[in-house]
Amino acid sequence: QVQLVESGGGLVQPGGSLRLSCTASGIIFSTHNLGWYRQAPGKQREAVAGITTSSNTNYTDSVKGRFTISRDNTKNTVYLQMNSLKPEDTAVYYCNRWRAGRYFQWGQGTQVTVSS
């Protein structure tokens, strides 16, 4: 059974930073392209950043230059370093397969709130 556990969210002021983590179990972690997604209240879930099995990365335009995705296959964990946070980054953040035809069961996500 696949399990994705996100953590690291919180309340931060505009301009601040957070580092999200997502640990996966029940999969051969190194064989999957993985990514971060977010869903703000009243909006659809959107893809934020992805990383391939060879560590090539991809970002949505709104986070380029501010967010960095990385992975540690020895820890079955994918990270999202978020800098220069803006109020519009406020959302629940999830990890899953990156832009796949089928997704793993979604985890509970981690709440990120950017507010002064």
C-alpha atoms as a PDB file:
ATOM      1  CA  GLN A   1       0.000   0.000   0.000  1.00  0.00           C
ATOM      2  CA  VAL A   2       1.396   3.355  -1.051  1.00  0.00           C
ATOM      3  CA  GLN A   3       1.557   6.027   1.607  1.00  0.00           C
ATOM      4  CA  LEU A   4       2.632   9.639   1.113  1.00  0.00           C
ATOM      5  CA  VAL A   5       3.239  11.767   4.185  1.00  0.00           C
ATOM      6  CA  GLU A   6       3.788  15.498   3.764  1.00  0.00           C
ATOM      7  CA  SER A   7       5.192  17.743   6.476  1.00  0.00           C
ATOM      8  CA  GLY A   8       6.910  21.048   7.074  1.00  0.00           C
ATOM      9  CA  GLY A   9       4.100  23.504   6.485  1.00  0.00           C
ATOM     10  CA  GLY A  10       3.194  26.356   8.760  1.00  0.00           C
ATOM     11  CA  LEU A  11       2.493  30.042   9.103  1.00  0.00           C
ATOM     12  CA  VAL A  12       5.140  32.353   7.681  1.00  0.00           C
ATOM     13  CA  GLN A  13       5.339  36.040   6.906  1.00  0.00           C
ATOM     14  CA  PRO A  14       5.645  37.275   3.321  1.00  0.00           C
ATOM     15  CA  GLY A  15       9.235  36.962   2.196  1.00  0.00           C
ATOM     16  CA  GLY A  16       9.860  34.052   4.519  1.00  0.00           C
ATOM     17  CA  SER A  17      10.924  30.489   3.802  1.00  0.00           C
ATOM     18  CA  LEU A  18       9.719  26.965   4.461  1.00  0.00           C
ATOM     19  CA  ARG A  19      11.005  23.522   3.563  1.00  0.00           C
ATOM     20  CA  LEU A  20       8.430  20.849   2.863  1.00  0.00           C
ATOM     21  CA  SER A  21       9.148  17.139   3.000  1.00  0.00           C
ATOM     22  CA  CYS A  22       7.263  14.180   1.586  1.00  0.00           C
ATOM     23  CA  THR A  23       8.188  10.666   2.579  1.00  0.00           C
ATOM     24  CA  ALA A  24       6.845   7.764   0.581  1.00  0.00           C
ATOM     25  CA  SER A  25       6.435   4.121   1.473  1.00  0.00           C
ATOM     26  CA  GLY A  26       5.155   1.151  -0.465  1.00  0.00           C
ATOM     27  CA  ILE A  27       6.848   2.128  -3.726  1.00  0.00           C
ATOM     28  CA  ILE A  28      10.235   1.773  -5.370  1.00  0.00           C
ATOM     29  CA  PHE A  29      10.902   5.446  -4.801  1.00  0.00           C
ATOM     30  CA  SER A  30      13.794   5.895  -7.204  1.00  0.00           C
ATOM     31  CA  THR A  31      11.777   4.725 -10.195  1.00  0.00           C
ATOM     32  CA  HIS A  32       9.143   7.477 -10.032  1.00  0.00           C
ATOM     33  CA  ASN A  33       9.024  11.042 -11.280  1.00  0.00           C
ATOM     34  CA  LEU A  34       7.614  12.984  -8.350  1.00  0.00           C
ATOM     35  CA  GLY A  35       6.204  16.387  -7.752  1.00  0.00           C
ATOM     36  CA  TRP A  36       4.536  18.878  -5.513  1.00  0.00           C
ATOM     37  CA  TYR A  37       1.022  20.152  -6.008  1.00  0.00           C
ATOM     38  CA  ARG A  38      -1.041  22.704  -4.146  1.00  0.00           C
ATOM     39  CA  GLN A  39      -4.662  23.547  -3.667  1.00  0.00           C
ATOM     40  CA  ALA A  40      -5.861  26.887  -2.418  1.00  0.00           C
ATOM     41  CA  PRO A  41      -9.360  27.380  -1.004  1.00  0.00           C
ATOM     42  CA  GLY A  42     -11.924  27.425  -3.780  1.00  0.00           C
ATOM     43  CA  LYS A  43      -9.372  26.561  -6.460  1.00  0.00           C
ATOM     44  CA  GLN A  44      -8.353  23.461  -8.336  1.00  0.00           C
ATOM     45  CA  ARG A  45      -5.217  21.573  -7.437  1.00  0.00           C
ATOM     46  CA  GLU A  46      -2.249  22.784  -9.474  1.00  0.00           C
ATOM     47  CA  ALA A  47       1.148  21.327 -10.250  1.00  0.00           C
ATOM     48  CA  VAL A  48       3.938  23.328  -8.658  1.00  0.00           C
ATOM     49  CA  ALA A  49       7.247  21.524  -9.191  1.00  0.00           C
ATOM     50  CA  GLY A  50       8.412  18.166 -10.439  1.00  0.00           C
ATOM     51  CA  ILE A  51      11.581  16.125 -10.412  1.00  0.00           C
ATOM     52  CA  THR A  52      12.385  13.178 -12.626  1.00  0.00           C
ATOM     53  CA  THR A  53      14.198   9.994 -11.742  1.00  0.00           C
ATOM     54  CA  SER A  54      17.356  11.609 -13.132  1.00  0.00           C
ATOM     55  CA  SER A  55      16.725  14.766 -11.072  1.00  0.00           C
ATOM     56  CA  ASN A  56      15.666  17.004 -13.912  1.00  0.00           C
ATOM     57  CA  THR A  57      13.315  19.620 -12.529  1.00  0.00           C
ATOM     58  CA  ASN A  58      10.305  21.540 -13.752  1.00  0.00           C
ATOM     59  CA  TYR A  59       8.463  24.471 -12.187  1.00  0.00           C
ATOM     60  CA  THR A  60       5.291  26.340 -12.790  1.00  0.00           C
ATOM     61  CA  ASP A  61       6.017  29.914 -13.816  1.00  0.00           C
ATOM     62  CA  SER A  62       4.725  31.492 -10.628  1.00  0.00           C
ATOM     63  CA  VAL A  63       7.354  29.772  -8.455  1.00  0.00           C
ATOM     64  CA  LYS A  64      10.396  29.790 -10.743  1.00  0.00           C
ATOM     65  CA  GLY A  65      13.392  31.298  -9.003  1.00  0.00           C
ATOM     66  CA  ARG A  66      11.752  30.985  -5.577  1.00  0.00           C
ATOM     67  CA  PHE A  67      11.099  27.261  -5.092  1.00  0.00           C
ATOM     68  CA  THR A  68      13.540  24.366  -5.414  1.00  0.00           C
ATOM     69  CA  ILE A  69      12.547  20.734  -5.566  1.00  0.00           C
ATOM     70  CA  SER A  70      14.979  17.958  -4.667  1.00  0.00           C
ATOM     71  CA  ARG A  71      14.913  14.305  -3.762  1.00  0.00           C
ATOM     72  CA  ASP A  72      16.850  11.886  -1.587  1.00  0.00           C
ATOM     73  CA  ASN A  73      16.326   8.354  -2.829  1.00  0.00           C
ATOM     74  CA  THR A  74      18.112   6.928   0.217  1.00  0.00           C
ATOM     75  CA  LYS A  75      15.414   8.433   2.441  1.00  0.00           C
ATOM     76  CA  ASN A  76      12.456   7.971   0.084  1.00  0.00           C
ATOM     77  CA  THR A  77      11.853  11.687   0.469  1.00  0.00           C
ATOM     78  CA  VAL A  78      11.201  14.592  -1.862  1.00  0.00           C
ATOM     79  CA  TYR A  79      11.658  18.160  -0.663  1.00  0.00           C
ATOM     80  CA  LEU A  80      10.371  21.574  -1.653  1.00  0.00           C
ATOM     81  CA  GLN A  81      12.423  24.537  -0.513  1.00  0.00           C
ATOM     82  CA  MET A  82      10.233  27.625  -0.710  1.00  0.00           C
ATOM     83  CA  ASN A  83      11.811  31.065  -0.473  1.00  0.00           C
ATOM     84  CA  SER A  84      10.422  34.576  -0.887  1.00  0.00           C
ATOM     85  CA  LEU A  85       6.979  33.320  -0.061  1.00  0.00           C
ATOM     86  CA  LYS A  86       3.965  35.359  -1.104  1.00  0.00           C
ATOM     87  CA  PRO A  87       0.397  35.381   0.201  1.00  0.00           C
ATOM     88  CA  GLU A  88      -0.718  33.744  -3.052  1.00  0.00           C
ATOM     89  CA  ASP A  89       1.403  30.704  -2.144  1.00  0.00           C
ATOM     90  CA  THR A  90      -1.056  29.944   0.640  1.00  0.00           C
ATOM     91  CA  ALA A  91      -2.483  26.479   0.017  1.00  0.00           C
ATOM     92  CA  VAL A  92      -2.401  22.867   1.098  1.00  0.00           C
ATOM     93  CA  TYR A  93       0.635  21.246  -0.484  1.00  0.00           C
ATOM     94  CA  TYR A  94       0.705  17.621  -1.607  1.00  0.00           C
ATOM     95  CA  CYS A  95       3.234  15.346  -3.248  1.00  0.00           C
ATOM     96  CA  ASN A  96       2.521  12.605  -5.770  1.00  0.00           C
ATOM     97  CA  ARG A  97       3.676  11.247  -9.075  1.00  0.00           C
ATOM     98  CA  TRP A  98       4.574  14.045 -11.462  1.00  0.00           C
ATOM     99  CA  ARG A  99       1.992  14.672 -14.189  1.00  0.00           C
ATOM    100  CA  ALA A 100       1.184  10.997 -14.440  1.00  0.00           C
ATOM    101  CA  GLY A 101      -1.788   9.309 -15.988  1.00  0.00           C
ATOM    102  CA  ARG A 102      -2.506   7.673 -12.667  1.00  0.00           C
ATOM    103  CA  TYR A 103      -1.705   8.999  -9.253  1.00  0.00           C
ATOM    104  CA  PHE A 104      -1.067   7.365  -5.935  1.00  0.00           C
ATOM    105  CA  GLN A 105      -3.631   7.882  -3.225  1.00  0.00           C
ATOM    106  CA  TRP A 106      -3.204  11.461  -2.076  1.00  0.00           C
ATOM    107  CA  GLY A 107      -1.861  12.111   1.381  1.00  0.00           C
ATOM    108  CA  GLN A 108      -3.252  14.553   3.896  1.00  0.00           C
ATOM    109  CA  GLY A 109      -1.104  17.402   2.645  1.00  0.00           C
ATOM    110  CA  THR A 110       0.579  20.119   4.650  1.00  0.00           C
ATOM    111  CA  GLN A 111      -0.872  23.597   5.111  1.00  0.00           C
ATOM    112  CA  VAL A 112       1.211  26.591   4.106  1.00  0.00           C
ATOM    113  CA  THR A 113      -0.104  29.989   5.136  1.00  0.00           C
ATOM    114  CA  VAL A 114       1.707  33.160   4.123  1.00  0.00           C
ATOM    115  CA  SER A 115       0.396  36.131   6.028  1.00  0.00           C
ATOM    116  CA  SER A 116       1.563  39.088   8.051  1.00  0.00           C
END
